[in-house]
């Protein structure tokens, strides 16, 4: 039997504290390590397009909406603070990826939309991103991926409201 990093930690805990059941560490530890590995592999794709993960999320959100949206709608969708959102949008405006449009109904507000350059960039980036995600998951069969997705969905439905 092969042991991963987490197995070795669990064995050590079992040896040092046989009175404890460290099995939750097996799940949480593996999820944490998986998250770090995935994050690194996703970053490589974003770097190839000279965008950050947050900028990818902003561009992808605008692409999915397919119409101008307010910064408030945006930061609720990508889970950023309004200050962080404003800074990122300003940077992306300067790069020519998004543009601000005055909101005729509320002069204090604006709407954000993709430029043609931004749309072309996110269309290419999302294709590469999906291929990267397929590669990341290729160690699992389609059935295993479905099972994992269902388990994670269940966990999120129970716990996500805490955010």
N, C-alpha and C. Protein backbone atom coordinates (compact mmCIF):
# COMPACT_ATOMS: atom_id res chain seq x y z
N UNK A 1 0.84 -1.19 0.00
CA UNK A 1 0.00 0.00 0.00
C UNK A 1 0.89 1.25 0.00
N UNK A 2 0.52 2.21 -0.83
CA UNK A 2 1.24 3.48 -0.88
C UNK A 2 0.65 4.44 0.14
N UNK A 3 1.53 5.24 0.73
CA UNK A 3 1.10 6.24 1.70
C UNK A 3 1.35 7.64 1.15
N UNK A 4 0.37 8.49 1.33
CA UNK A 4 0.59 9.89 0.96
C UNK A 4 1.07 10.66 2.19
N UNK A 5 1.32 11.93 2.01
CA UNK A 5 1.82 12.78 3.08
C UNK A 5 0.89 12.75 4.30
N UNK A 6 -0.39 12.79 4.05
CA UNK A 6 -1.37 12.84 5.14
C UNK A 6 -1.38 11.51 5.90
N UNK A 7 -1.24 10.40 5.19
CA UNK A 7 -1.17 9.10 5.87
C UNK A 7 -0.05 9.10 6.91
N UNK A 8 1.09 9.63 6.54
CA UNK A 8 2.23 9.64 7.46
C UNK A 8 1.93 10.48 8.71
N UNK A 9 1.24 11.60 8.52
CA UNK A 9 0.87 12.42 9.67
C UNK A 9 -0.12 11.68 10.57
N UNK A 10 -1.08 11.00 9.96
CA UNK A 10 -2.07 10.26 10.74
C UNK A 10 -1.42 9.14 11.55
N UNK A 11 -0.47 8.45 10.94
CA UNK A 11 0.26 7.38 11.65
C UNK A 11 0.99 7.96 12.84
N UNK A 12 1.63 9.11 12.66
CA UNK A 12 2.34 9.74 13.77
C UNK A 12 1.38 10.11 14.90
N UNK A 13 0.22 10.67 14.55
CA UNK A 13 -0.75 11.02 15.59
C UNK A 13 -1.26 9.77 16.31
N UNK A 14 -1.50 8.72 15.55
CA UNK A 14 -1.98 7.47 16.16
C UNK A 14 -0.94 6.90 17.13
N UNK A 15 0.34 7.06 16.79
CA UNK A 15 1.40 6.58 17.67
C UNK A 15 1.53 7.45 18.92
N UNK A 16 1.43 8.76 18.74
CA UNK A 16 1.64 9.68 19.85
C UNK A 16 0.40 9.86 20.73
N UNK A 17 -0.78 9.76 20.09
CA UNK A 17 -2.03 9.96 20.84
C UNK A 17 -3.04 8.89 20.43
N UNK A 18 -2.81 7.64 20.85
CA UNK A 18 -3.74 6.56 20.47
C UNK A 18 -5.15 6.77 21.01
N UNK A 19 -5.31 7.69 21.95
CA UNK A 19 -6.62 7.98 22.51
C UNK A 19 -7.47 8.87 21.59
N UNK A 20 -6.86 9.45 20.57
CA UNK A 20 -7.58 10.33 19.64
C UNK A 20 -7.87 9.62 18.33
N UNK A 21 -8.97 10.02 17.70
CA UNK A 21 -9.28 9.56 16.35
C UNK A 21 -8.92 10.69 15.40
N UNK A 22 -7.78 10.58 14.71
CA UNK A 22 -7.35 11.68 13.83
C UNK A 22 -7.97 11.63 12.43
N UNK A 23 -8.98 10.79 12.20
CA UNK A 23 -9.53 10.63 10.85
C UNK A 23 -10.03 11.94 10.22
N UNK A 24 -10.59 12.91 10.99
CA UNK A 24 -10.97 14.16 10.33
C UNK A 24 -9.77 14.86 9.68
N UNK A 25 -8.59 14.69 10.27
CA UNK A 25 -7.38 15.27 9.68
C UNK A 25 -7.10 14.66 8.31
N UNK A 26 -7.51 13.42 8.11
CA UNK A 26 -7.31 12.77 6.81
C UNK A 26 -8.07 13.48 5.71
N UNK A 27 -9.32 13.80 5.99
CA UNK A 27 -10.16 14.48 5.00
C UNK A 27 -9.72 15.93 4.83
N UNK A 28 -9.65 16.67 5.94
CA UNK A 28 -9.32 18.09 5.86
C UNK A 28 -7.90 18.29 5.35
N UNK A 29 -6.97 17.49 5.82
CA UNK A 29 -5.58 17.60 5.35
C UNK A 29 -5.46 17.37 3.87
N UNK A 30 -6.17 16.36 3.38
CA UNK A 30 -6.12 16.08 1.94
C UNK A 30 -6.79 17.19 1.13
N UNK A 31 -7.93 17.68 1.62
CA UNK A 31 -8.58 18.79 0.92
C UNK A 31 -7.67 20.00 0.87
N UNK A 32 -6.99 20.28 1.96
CA UNK A 32 -6.07 21.41 2.01
C UNK A 32 -4.94 21.23 1.00
N UNK A 33 -4.33 20.06 0.98
CA UNK A 33 -3.22 19.80 0.05
C UNK A 33 -3.69 19.83 -1.39
N UNK A 34 -4.86 19.25 -1.65
CA UNK A 34 -5.43 19.28 -3.00
C UNK A 34 -5.65 20.73 -3.43
N UNK A 35 -6.20 21.54 -2.53
CA UNK A 35 -6.46 22.95 -2.82
C UNK A 35 -5.17 23.67 -3.20
N UNK A 36 -4.11 23.45 -2.46
CA UNK A 36 -2.83 24.10 -2.74
C UNK A 36 -2.26 23.67 -4.09
N UNK A 37 -2.35 22.39 -4.38
CA UNK A 37 -1.84 21.87 -5.66
C UNK A 37 -2.64 22.45 -6.82
N UNK A 38 -3.97 22.44 -6.68
CA UNK A 38 -4.82 22.98 -7.74
C UNK A 38 -4.56 24.47 -7.93
N UNK A 39 -4.47 25.19 -6.83
CA UNK A 39 -4.22 26.64 -6.91
C UNK A 39 -2.95 26.93 -7.70
N UNK A 40 -1.89 26.19 -7.43
CA UNK A 40 -0.62 26.39 -8.15
C UNK A 40 -0.78 26.09 -9.64
N UNK A 41 -1.48 25.02 -9.95
CA UNK A 41 -1.64 24.66 -11.36
C UNK A 41 -2.55 25.63 -12.10
N UNK A 42 -3.52 26.18 -11.41
CA UNK A 42 -4.37 27.19 -12.03
C UNK A 42 -3.59 28.49 -12.26
N UNK A 43 -2.76 28.86 -11.29
CA UNK A 43 -1.95 30.06 -11.42
C UNK A 43 -1.09 30.03 -12.68
N UNK A 44 -0.57 28.86 -13.00
CA UNK A 44 0.26 28.74 -14.20
C UNK A 44 -0.52 29.12 -15.46
N UNK A 45 -1.78 28.72 -15.53
CA UNK A 45 -2.61 29.08 -16.68
C UNK A 45 -2.85 30.58 -16.71
N UNK A 46 -3.18 31.16 -15.56
CA UNK A 46 -3.46 32.60 -15.53
C UNK A 46 -2.22 33.40 -15.91
N UNK A 47 -1.06 32.98 -15.43
CA UNK A 47 0.19 33.67 -15.77
C UNK A 47 0.44 33.66 -17.27
N UNK A 48 0.05 32.57 -17.92
CA UNK A 48 0.25 32.48 -19.36
C UNK A 48 -0.53 33.57 -20.11
N UNK A 49 -1.59 34.07 -19.49
CA UNK A 49 -2.41 35.13 -20.09
C UNK A 49 -2.17 36.48 -19.42
N UNK A 50 -1.18 36.54 -18.55
CA UNK A 50 -0.81 37.76 -17.85
C UNK A 50 -1.97 38.35 -17.05
N UNK A 51 -2.71 37.46 -16.38
CA UNK A 51 -3.80 37.88 -15.51
C UNK A 51 -3.68 37.13 -14.19
N UNK A 52 -4.26 37.70 -13.16
CA UNK A 52 -4.31 37.04 -11.85
C UNK A 52 -5.58 36.19 -11.78
N UNK A 53 -5.68 35.39 -10.74
CA UNK A 53 -6.88 34.58 -10.53
C UNK A 53 -8.11 35.48 -10.36
N UNK A 54 -7.93 36.58 -9.65
CA UNK A 54 -9.05 37.51 -9.44
C UNK A 54 -9.46 38.15 -10.76
N UNK A 55 -8.48 38.54 -11.57
CA UNK A 55 -8.80 39.13 -12.87
C UNK A 55 -9.50 38.11 -13.77
N UNK A 56 -9.06 36.85 -13.70
CA UNK A 56 -9.75 35.80 -14.45
C UNK A 56 -11.20 35.73 -14.00
N UNK A 57 -11.44 35.74 -12.68
CA UNK A 57 -12.81 35.67 -12.17
C UNK A 57 -13.65 36.86 -12.64
N UNK A 58 -13.07 38.04 -12.63
CA UNK A 58 -13.80 39.23 -13.08
C UNK A 58 -14.15 39.11 -14.56
N UNK A 59 -13.16 38.77 -15.37
CA UNK A 59 -13.41 38.63 -16.82
C UNK A 59 -14.43 37.52 -17.09
N UNK A 60 -14.30 36.40 -16.38
CA UNK A 60 -15.23 35.28 -16.58
C UNK A 60 -16.64 35.66 -16.14
N UNK A 61 -16.75 36.42 -15.06
CA UNK A 61 -18.07 36.87 -14.60
C UNK A 61 -18.72 37.77 -15.64
N UNK A 62 -17.95 38.71 -16.17
CA UNK A 62 -18.48 39.59 -17.22
C UNK A 62 -18.88 38.79 -18.45
N UNK A 63 -18.10 37.80 -18.79
CA UNK A 63 -18.40 36.97 -19.97
C UNK A 63 -19.67 36.16 -19.75
N UNK A 64 -19.82 35.60 -18.54
CA UNK A 64 -21.03 34.81 -18.25
C UNK A 64 -22.28 35.68 -18.24
N UNK A 65 -22.18 36.88 -17.66
CA UNK A 65 -23.33 37.79 -17.64
C UNK A 65 -23.67 38.27 -19.04
N UNK A 66 -22.64 38.48 -19.86
CA UNK A 66 -22.80 38.90 -21.25
C UNK A 66 -23.55 40.22 -21.40
N UNK A 67 -23.51 41.04 -20.35
CA UNK A 67 -24.06 42.39 -20.42
C UNK A 67 -23.40 43.19 -19.31
N UNK A 68 -23.39 44.51 -19.43
CA UNK A 68 -22.74 45.33 -18.41
C UNK A 68 -23.37 45.12 -17.03
N UNK A 69 -22.52 45.09 -16.00
CA UNK A 69 -23.01 44.94 -14.63
C UNK A 69 -22.31 45.96 -13.73
N UNK A 70 -22.91 46.22 -12.60
CA UNK A 70 -22.33 47.17 -11.66
C UNK A 70 -21.18 46.51 -10.90
N UNK A 71 -20.27 47.32 -10.36
CA UNK A 71 -19.22 46.75 -9.51
C UNK A 71 -19.79 45.98 -8.32
N UNK A 72 -20.92 46.44 -7.79
CA UNK A 72 -21.56 45.73 -6.67
C UNK A 72 -21.99 44.34 -7.09
N UNK A 73 -22.65 44.24 -8.23
CA UNK A 73 -23.06 42.92 -8.74
C UNK A 73 -21.82 42.05 -8.95
N UNK A 74 -20.77 42.66 -9.43
CA UNK A 74 -19.54 41.93 -9.69
C UNK A 74 -18.93 41.40 -8.41
N UNK A 75 -18.73 42.27 -7.41
CA UNK A 75 -18.02 41.79 -6.23
C UNK A 75 -18.86 40.81 -5.43
N UNK A 76 -20.18 40.84 -5.56
CA UNK A 76 -21.01 39.82 -4.93
C UNK A 76 -20.84 38.48 -5.64
N UNK A 77 -20.59 38.53 -6.92
CA UNK A 77 -20.40 37.31 -7.69
C UNK A 77 -19.04 36.68 -7.47
N UNK A 78 -17.99 37.50 -7.34
CA UNK A 78 -16.65 36.96 -7.19
C UNK A 78 -16.12 37.02 -5.76
N UNK A 79 -16.94 37.51 -4.81
CA UNK A 79 -16.60 37.50 -3.39
C UNK A 79 -15.37 38.34 -3.06
N UNK A 80 -15.30 39.54 -3.61
CA UNK A 80 -14.26 40.50 -3.26
C UNK A 80 -14.88 41.67 -2.51
N UNK A 81 -14.06 42.40 -1.79
CA UNK A 81 -14.55 43.63 -1.18
C UNK A 81 -14.68 44.69 -2.27
N UNK A 82 -15.48 45.71 -2.00
CA UNK A 82 -15.67 46.75 -3.01
C UNK A 82 -14.36 47.48 -3.30
N UNK A 83 -13.52 47.68 -2.27
CA UNK A 83 -12.23 48.35 -2.48
C UNK A 83 -11.32 47.55 -3.39
N UNK A 84 -11.23 46.26 -3.14
CA UNK A 84 -10.40 45.38 -3.97
C UNK A 84 -10.95 45.34 -5.40
N UNK A 85 -12.26 45.33 -5.51
CA UNK A 85 -12.89 45.29 -6.83
C UNK A 85 -12.55 46.56 -7.61
N UNK A 86 -12.66 47.71 -6.96
CA UNK A 86 -12.37 48.99 -7.64
C UNK A 86 -10.93 49.04 -8.14
N UNK A 87 -10.00 48.58 -7.32
CA UNK A 87 -8.59 48.57 -7.70
C UNK A 87 -8.37 47.67 -8.91
N UNK A 88 -8.94 46.48 -8.90
CA UNK A 88 -8.78 45.54 -10.01
C UNK A 88 -9.42 46.07 -11.28
N UNK A 89 -10.60 46.63 -11.15
CA UNK A 89 -11.28 47.17 -12.33
C UNK A 89 -10.46 48.30 -12.95
N UNK A 90 -9.95 49.18 -12.11
CA UNK A 90 -9.13 50.29 -12.60
C UNK A 90 -7.93 49.76 -13.38
N UNK A 91 -7.26 48.76 -12.84
CA UNK A 91 -6.11 48.14 -13.51
C UNK A 91 -6.53 47.54 -14.86
N UNK A 92 -7.68 46.90 -14.88
CA UNK A 92 -8.14 46.26 -16.11
C UNK A 92 -8.64 47.27 -17.14
N UNK A 93 -9.15 48.41 -16.67
CA UNK A 93 -9.53 49.49 -17.59
C UNK A 93 -8.27 50.01 -18.27
N UNK A 94 -7.22 50.24 -17.49
CA UNK A 94 -5.95 50.73 -18.05
C UNK A 94 -5.36 49.76 -19.06
N UNK A 95 -5.56 48.47 -18.84
CA UNK A 95 -5.06 47.45 -19.77
C UNK A 95 -5.95 47.29 -21.00
N UNK A 96 -7.12 47.92 -20.99
CA UNK A 96 -8.03 47.84 -22.13
C UNK A 96 -8.87 46.57 -22.15
N UNK A 97 -9.01 45.90 -21.01
CA UNK A 97 -9.77 44.65 -20.96
C UNK A 97 -11.24 44.87 -20.61
N UNK A 98 -11.51 45.91 -19.83
CA UNK A 98 -12.88 46.25 -19.47
C UNK A 98 -13.06 47.75 -19.62
N UNK A 99 -14.32 48.16 -19.66
CA UNK A 99 -14.62 49.59 -19.72
C UNK A 99 -15.76 49.91 -18.78
N UNK A 100 -15.74 51.14 -18.32
CA UNK A 100 -16.82 51.64 -17.46
C UNK A 100 -17.82 52.40 -18.34
N UNK A 101 -19.08 52.19 -18.03
CA UNK A 101 -20.14 52.93 -18.72
C UNK A 101 -20.93 53.68 -17.66
N UNK A 102 -21.22 54.94 -17.89
CA UNK A 102 -22.03 55.70 -16.95
C UNK A 102 -23.41 55.07 -16.83
N UNK A 103 -23.91 55.02 -15.61
CA UNK A 103 -25.25 54.50 -15.36
C UNK A 103 -26.21 55.67 -15.46
N UNK A 104 -27.05 55.67 -16.46
CA UNK A 104 -27.96 56.79 -16.70
C UNK A 104 -29.00 56.92 -15.59
N UNK A 105 -29.31 55.83 -14.90
CA UNK A 105 -30.32 55.87 -13.83
C UNK A 105 -29.74 56.35 -12.50
N UNK A 106 -28.44 56.16 -12.31
CA UNK A 106 -27.80 56.54 -11.05
C UNK A 106 -26.40 57.06 -11.36
N UNK A 107 -26.23 58.37 -11.31
CA UNK A 107 -24.96 58.99 -11.71
C UNK A 107 -23.81 58.63 -10.77
N UNK A 108 -24.13 58.12 -9.56
CA UNK A 108 -23.07 57.73 -8.63
C UNK A 108 -22.51 56.35 -8.99
N UNK A 109 -23.15 55.67 -9.88
CA UNK A 109 -22.78 54.31 -10.21
C UNK A 109 -22.35 54.20 -11.68
N UNK A 110 -21.74 53.09 -11.98
CA UNK A 110 -21.37 52.82 -13.37
C UNK A 110 -21.60 51.33 -13.63
N UNK A 111 -21.48 50.96 -14.86
CA UNK A 111 -21.55 49.55 -15.22
C UNK A 111 -20.24 49.18 -15.90
N UNK A 112 -19.86 47.95 -15.71
CA UNK A 112 -18.60 47.44 -16.25
C UNK A 112 -18.93 46.43 -17.35
N UNK A 113 -18.17 46.49 -18.43
CA UNK A 113 -18.35 45.52 -19.51
C UNK A 113 -16.98 45.16 -20.10
N UNK A 114 -16.98 44.06 -20.79
CA UNK A 114 -15.76 43.62 -21.48
C UNK A 114 -15.53 44.46 -22.73
N UNK A 115 -14.29 44.76 -23.02
CA UNK A 115 -13.93 45.31 -24.32
C UNK A 115 -13.79 44.12 -25.26
N UNK A 116 -13.64 44.38 -26.54
CA UNK A 116 -13.43 43.27 -27.47
C UNK A 116 -12.13 42.54 -27.15
N UNK A 117 -11.12 43.29 -26.69
CA UNK A 117 -9.85 42.68 -26.30
C UNK A 117 -10.04 41.79 -25.06
N UNK A 118 -10.82 42.29 -24.10
CA UNK A 118 -11.09 41.51 -22.90
C UNK A 118 -11.87 40.25 -23.20
N UNK A 119 -12.84 40.36 -24.10
CA UNK A 119 -13.64 39.19 -24.49
C UNK A 119 -12.77 38.15 -25.19
N UNK A 120 -11.92 38.59 -26.08
CA UNK A 120 -11.03 37.65 -26.79
C UNK A 120 -10.09 36.97 -25.80
N UNK A 121 -9.57 37.75 -24.84
CA UNK A 121 -8.65 37.19 -23.85
C UNK A 121 -9.34 36.14 -22.99
N UNK A 122 -10.53 36.44 -22.45
CA UNK A 122 -11.19 35.49 -21.57
C UNK A 122 -11.67 34.27 -22.36
N UNK A 123 -12.07 34.44 -23.60
CA UNK A 123 -12.48 33.28 -24.40
C UNK A 123 -11.32 32.30 -24.57
N UNK A 124 -10.13 32.82 -24.84
CA UNK A 124 -8.95 31.94 -24.97
C UNK A 124 -8.55 31.37 -23.62
N UNK A 125 -8.54 32.23 -22.61
CA UNK A 125 -8.10 31.79 -21.28
C UNK A 125 -9.01 30.72 -20.71
N UNK A 126 -10.32 30.85 -20.91
CA UNK A 126 -11.24 29.86 -20.34
C UNK A 126 -11.09 28.51 -21.03
N UNK A 127 -10.77 28.52 -22.31
CA UNK A 127 -10.51 27.25 -23.02
C UNK A 127 -9.29 26.56 -22.42
N UNK A 128 -8.22 27.31 -22.23
CA UNK A 128 -7.00 26.77 -21.63
C UNK A 128 -7.26 26.33 -20.19
N UNK A 129 -8.02 27.13 -19.47
CA UNK A 129 -8.37 26.83 -18.07
C UNK A 129 -9.12 25.50 -17.97
N UNK A 130 -10.10 25.30 -18.83
CA UNK A 130 -10.87 24.05 -18.80
C UNK A 130 -10.00 22.84 -19.15
N UNK A 131 -9.12 23.01 -20.11
CA UNK A 131 -8.20 21.93 -20.46
C UNK A 131 -7.28 21.62 -19.28
N UNK A 132 -6.81 22.64 -18.61
CA UNK A 132 -5.97 22.47 -17.43
C UNK A 132 -6.74 21.72 -16.34
N UNK A 133 -7.99 22.10 -16.12
CA UNK A 133 -8.81 21.42 -15.11
C UNK A 133 -9.03 19.95 -15.48
N UNK A 134 -9.24 19.68 -16.76
CA UNK A 134 -9.37 18.27 -17.19
C UNK A 134 -8.09 17.49 -16.86
N UNK A 135 -6.95 18.11 -17.13
CA UNK A 135 -5.66 17.47 -16.84
C UNK A 135 -5.50 17.25 -15.34
N UNK A 136 -5.87 18.22 -14.54
CA UNK A 136 -5.78 18.10 -13.09
C UNK A 136 -6.61 16.92 -12.59
N UNK A 137 -7.76 16.71 -13.20
CA UNK A 137 -8.68 15.66 -12.75
C UNK A 137 -8.47 14.31 -13.42
N UNK A 138 -7.54 14.20 -14.34
CA UNK A 138 -7.41 12.97 -15.11
C UNK A 138 -7.01 11.74 -14.29
N UNK A 139 -6.53 11.94 -13.06
CA UNK A 139 -6.22 10.81 -12.19
C UNK A 139 -7.49 10.10 -11.73
N UNK A 140 -8.64 10.76 -11.89
CA UNK A 140 -9.93 10.19 -11.49
C UNK A 140 -10.75 9.82 -12.72
N UNK A 141 -11.46 8.70 -12.64
CA UNK A 141 -12.36 8.31 -13.73
C UNK A 141 -13.54 9.28 -13.77
N UNK A 142 -14.30 9.24 -14.84
CA UNK A 142 -15.49 10.09 -14.94
C UNK A 142 -16.44 9.82 -13.77
N UNK A 143 -16.60 8.55 -13.42
CA UNK A 143 -17.48 8.18 -12.32
C UNK A 143 -16.94 8.73 -10.98
N UNK A 144 -15.66 8.63 -10.78
CA UNK A 144 -15.06 9.16 -9.55
C UNK A 144 -15.21 10.68 -9.48
N UNK A 145 -15.04 11.34 -10.62
CA UNK A 145 -15.22 12.79 -10.65
C UNK A 145 -16.66 13.17 -10.29
N UNK A 146 -17.61 12.41 -10.81
CA UNK A 146 -19.02 12.65 -10.48
C UNK A 146 -19.29 12.44 -9.00
N UNK A 147 -18.76 11.34 -8.46
CA UNK A 147 -18.94 11.06 -7.03
C UNK A 147 -18.34 12.18 -6.18
N UNK A 148 -17.13 12.58 -6.51
CA UNK A 148 -16.46 13.64 -5.76
C UNK A 148 -17.25 14.94 -5.85
N UNK A 149 -17.74 15.26 -7.03
CA UNK A 149 -18.53 16.47 -7.22
C UNK A 149 -19.79 16.43 -6.36
N UNK A 150 -20.46 15.29 -6.31
CA UNK A 150 -21.67 15.15 -5.50
C UNK A 150 -21.36 15.28 -4.01
N UNK A 151 -20.28 14.67 -3.56
CA UNK A 151 -19.90 14.78 -2.15
C UNK A 151 -19.58 16.22 -1.78
N UNK A 152 -18.84 16.89 -2.63
CA UNK A 152 -18.48 18.28 -2.37
C UNK A 152 -19.70 19.19 -2.43
N UNK A 153 -20.61 18.92 -3.36
CA UNK A 153 -21.86 19.70 -3.45
C UNK A 153 -22.64 19.56 -2.14
N UNK A 154 -22.76 18.33 -1.67
CA UNK A 154 -23.49 18.09 -0.42
C UNK A 154 -22.84 18.86 0.73
N UNK A 155 -21.53 18.78 0.83
CA UNK A 155 -20.83 19.47 1.91
C UNK A 155 -21.05 20.98 1.81
N UNK A 156 -20.96 21.52 0.60
CA UNK A 156 -21.16 22.96 0.41
C UNK A 156 -22.58 23.40 0.73
N UNK A 157 -23.57 22.60 0.35
CA UNK A 157 -24.95 22.96 0.65
C UNK A 157 -25.18 23.07 2.16
N UNK A 158 -24.50 22.25 2.92
CA UNK A 158 -24.63 22.27 4.37
C UNK A 158 -23.82 23.40 4.99
N UNK A 159 -22.65 23.72 4.44
CA UNK A 159 -21.71 24.63 5.08
C UNK A 159 -21.54 26.00 4.44
N UNK A 160 -21.93 26.17 3.20
CA UNK A 160 -21.64 27.41 2.48
C UNK A 160 -22.33 28.62 3.07
N UNK A 161 -23.47 28.44 3.67
CA UNK A 161 -24.21 29.59 4.21
C UNK A 161 -23.43 30.26 5.34
N UNK A 162 -22.46 29.58 5.92
CA UNK A 162 -21.65 30.16 6.99
C UNK A 162 -20.77 31.29 6.48
N UNK A 163 -20.55 31.36 5.17
CA UNK A 163 -19.73 32.45 4.62
C UNK A 163 -20.53 33.71 4.71
